[in-house]
Amino acid sequence: MDHPLIMVLQVIVIIAASGIVMITAALNVKSEGLGAAITGASDTYRGAVGVEEQKRRLLSYICYGFLILSFFYNLLNSYWF
């Protein structure tokens, strides 16, 4: 049986992955194509942060969190438990 900490990390990683997929699908990429949604390339101007920019910022935070959580999940699963 898995350790409770590993199970909690596993659930959080699954939630983060689902969030990444949902936010990427919700980005408004009109004429920029899917490549712009994935790489973050866009024609943004300085000024107030719009909804799309907030989505992209949230997406980057979730992606960084996903990478960190995945690293610790694999580390704990492989070596300590």
C-alpha atoms as a PDB file:
ATOM      1  CA  MET A   1       0.000   0.000   0.000  1.00  0.00           C
ATOM      2  CA  ASP A   2       1.258   3.467  -0.858  1.00  0.00           C
ATOM      3  CA  HIS A   3       2.209   5.983   1.770  1.00  0.00           C
ATOM      4  CA  PRO A   4      -0.490   8.662   2.337  1.00  0.00           C
ATOM      5  CA  LEU A   5       1.920  11.439   1.320  1.00  0.00           C
ATOM      6  CA  ILE A   6       2.490   9.788  -2.054  1.00  0.00           C
ATOM      7  CA  MET A   7      -1.238   9.401  -2.576  1.00  0.00           C
ATOM      8  CA  VAL A   8      -1.840  13.088  -1.798  1.00  0.00           C
ATOM      9  CA  LEU A   9       0.928  14.151  -4.180  1.00  0.00           C
ATOM     10  CA  GLN A  10      -0.509  11.884  -6.856  1.00  0.00           C
ATOM     11  CA  VAL A  11      -3.933  13.523  -6.570  1.00  0.00           C
ATOM     12  CA  ILE A  12      -2.423  17.024  -6.663  1.00  0.00           C
ATOM     13  CA  VAL A  13      -0.354  16.161  -9.762  1.00  0.00           C
ATOM     14  CA  ILE A  14      -3.479  14.850 -11.517  1.00  0.00           C
ATOM     15  CA  ILE A  15      -5.397  18.030 -10.618  1.00  0.00           C
ATOM     16  CA  ALA A  16      -2.522  20.205 -11.883  1.00  0.00           C
ATOM     17  CA  ALA A  17      -2.356  18.258 -15.158  1.00  0.00           C
ATOM     18  CA  SER A  18      -6.099  18.669 -15.639  1.00  0.00           C
ATOM     19  CA  GLY A  19      -5.778  22.396 -14.932  1.00  0.00           C
ATOM     20  CA  ILE A  20      -3.022  22.719 -17.532  1.00  0.00           C
ATOM     21  CA  VAL A  21      -5.199  21.062 -20.164  1.00  0.00           C
ATOM     22  CA  MET A  22      -8.281  23.140 -19.316  1.00  0.00           C
ATOM     23  CA  ILE A  23      -6.494  26.498 -19.253  1.00  0.00           C
ATOM     24  CA  THR A  24      -4.613  25.744 -22.479  1.00  0.00           C
ATOM     25  CA  ALA A  25      -7.912  24.881 -24.157  1.00  0.00           C
ATOM     26  CA  ALA A  26      -9.534  28.061 -22.794  1.00  0.00           C
ATOM     27  CA  LEU A  27      -6.906  30.427 -24.185  1.00  0.00           C
ATOM     28  CA  ASN A  28      -8.214  32.688 -26.904  1.00  0.00           C
ATOM     29  CA  VAL A  29      -5.843  32.216 -29.835  1.00  0.00           C
ATOM     30  CA  LYS A  30      -7.945  33.684 -32.670  1.00  0.00           C
ATOM     31  CA  SER A  31      -5.478  33.832 -35.573  1.00  0.00           C
ATOM     32  CA  GLU A  32      -2.332  32.833 -33.744  1.00  0.00           C
ATOM     33  CA  GLY A  33      -2.903  29.087 -33.914  1.00  0.00           C
ATOM     34  CA  LEU A  34      -2.375  26.364 -31.353  1.00  0.00           C
ATOM     35  CA  GLY A  35       1.398  26.879 -31.387  1.00  0.00           C
ATOM     36  CA  ALA A  36       0.941  30.336 -29.886  1.00  0.00           C
ATOM     37  CA  ALA A  37      -1.245  28.902 -27.128  1.00  0.00           C
ATOM     38  CA  ILE A  38       1.401  26.358 -26.208  1.00  0.00           C
ATOM     39  CA  THR A  39       4.482  28.583 -26.485  1.00  0.00           C
ATOM     40  CA  GLY A  40       2.836  31.723 -25.138  1.00  0.00           C
ATOM     41  CA  ALA A  41       3.666  33.859 -28.167  1.00  0.00           C
ATOM     42  CA  SER A  42       1.227  36.686 -28.666  1.00  0.00           C
ATOM     43  CA  ASP A  43       0.899  40.314 -29.607  1.00  0.00           C
ATOM     44  CA  THR A  44       0.544  41.843 -26.175  1.00  0.00           C
ATOM     45  CA  TYR A  45       1.008  45.496 -25.390  1.00  0.00           C
ATOM     46  CA  ARG A  46       2.102  47.087 -22.162  1.00  0.00           C
ATOM     47  CA  GLY A  47      -0.725  48.272 -20.004  1.00  0.00           C
ATOM     48  CA  ALA A  48      -3.400  46.697 -17.882  1.00  0.00           C
ATOM     49  CA  VAL A  49      -3.210  42.960 -17.562  1.00  0.00           C
ATOM     50  CA  GLY A  50      -6.066  41.455 -19.555  1.00  0.00           C
ATOM     51  CA  VAL A  51      -7.913  38.228 -19.002  1.00  0.00           C
ATOM     52  CA  GLU A  52      -5.798  36.330 -21.528  1.00  0.00           C
ATOM     53  CA  GLU A  53      -2.565  37.498 -19.916  1.00  0.00           C
ATOM     54  CA  GLN A  54      -3.893  36.426 -16.515  1.00  0.00           C
ATOM     55  CA  LYS A  55      -4.739  32.998 -17.941  1.00  0.00           C
ATOM     56  CA  ARG A  56      -1.225  32.684 -19.366  1.00  0.00           C
ATOM     57  CA  ARG A  57       0.318  33.714 -16.055  1.00  0.00           C
ATOM     58  CA  LEU A  58      -1.848  31.211 -14.166  1.00  0.00           C
ATOM     59  CA  LEU A  59      -0.899  28.553 -16.714  1.00  0.00           C
ATOM     60  CA  SER A  60       2.813  29.208 -16.151  1.00  0.00           C
ATOM     61  CA  TYR A  61       2.394  28.986 -12.354  1.00  0.00           C
ATOM     62  CA  ILE A  62       0.500  25.703 -12.642  1.00  0.00           C
ATOM     63  CA  CYS A  63       3.139  24.310 -15.019  1.00  0.00           C
ATOM     64  CA  TYR A  64       5.982  25.207 -12.663  1.00  0.00           C
ATOM     65  CA  GLY A  65       4.063  23.675  -9.765  1.00  0.00           C
ATOM     66  CA  PHE A  66       3.383  20.563 -11.822  1.00  0.00           C
ATOM     67  CA  LEU A  67       7.089  20.126 -12.563  1.00  0.00           C
ATOM     68  CA  ILE A  68       8.098  20.575  -8.926  1.00  0.00           C
ATOM     69  CA  LEU A  69       5.369  18.278  -7.599  1.00  0.00           C
ATOM     70  CA  SER A  70       6.168  15.627 -10.192  1.00  0.00           C
ATOM     71  CA  PHE A  71       9.831  15.745  -9.236  1.00  0.00           C
ATOM     72  CA  PHE A  72       9.067  15.261  -5.534  1.00  0.00           C
ATOM     73  CA  TYR A  73       6.490  12.569  -6.279  1.00  0.00           C
ATOM     74  CA  ASN A  74       9.001  10.557  -8.284  1.00  0.00           C
ATOM     75  CA  LEU A  75      11.745  11.151  -5.723  1.00  0.00           C
ATOM     76  CA  LEU A  76       9.578   9.979  -2.830  1.00  0.00           C
ATOM     77  CA  ASN A  77       8.123   7.081  -4.759  1.00  0.00           C
ATOM     78  CA  SER A  78      11.523   5.822  -5.926  1.00  0.00           C
ATOM     79  CA  TYR A  79      13.746   6.240  -2.899  1.00  0.00           C
ATOM     80  CA  TRP A  80      11.906   6.674   0.384  1.00  0.00           C
ATOM     81  CA  PHE A  81       8.649   4.732   0.313  1.00  0.00           C
END
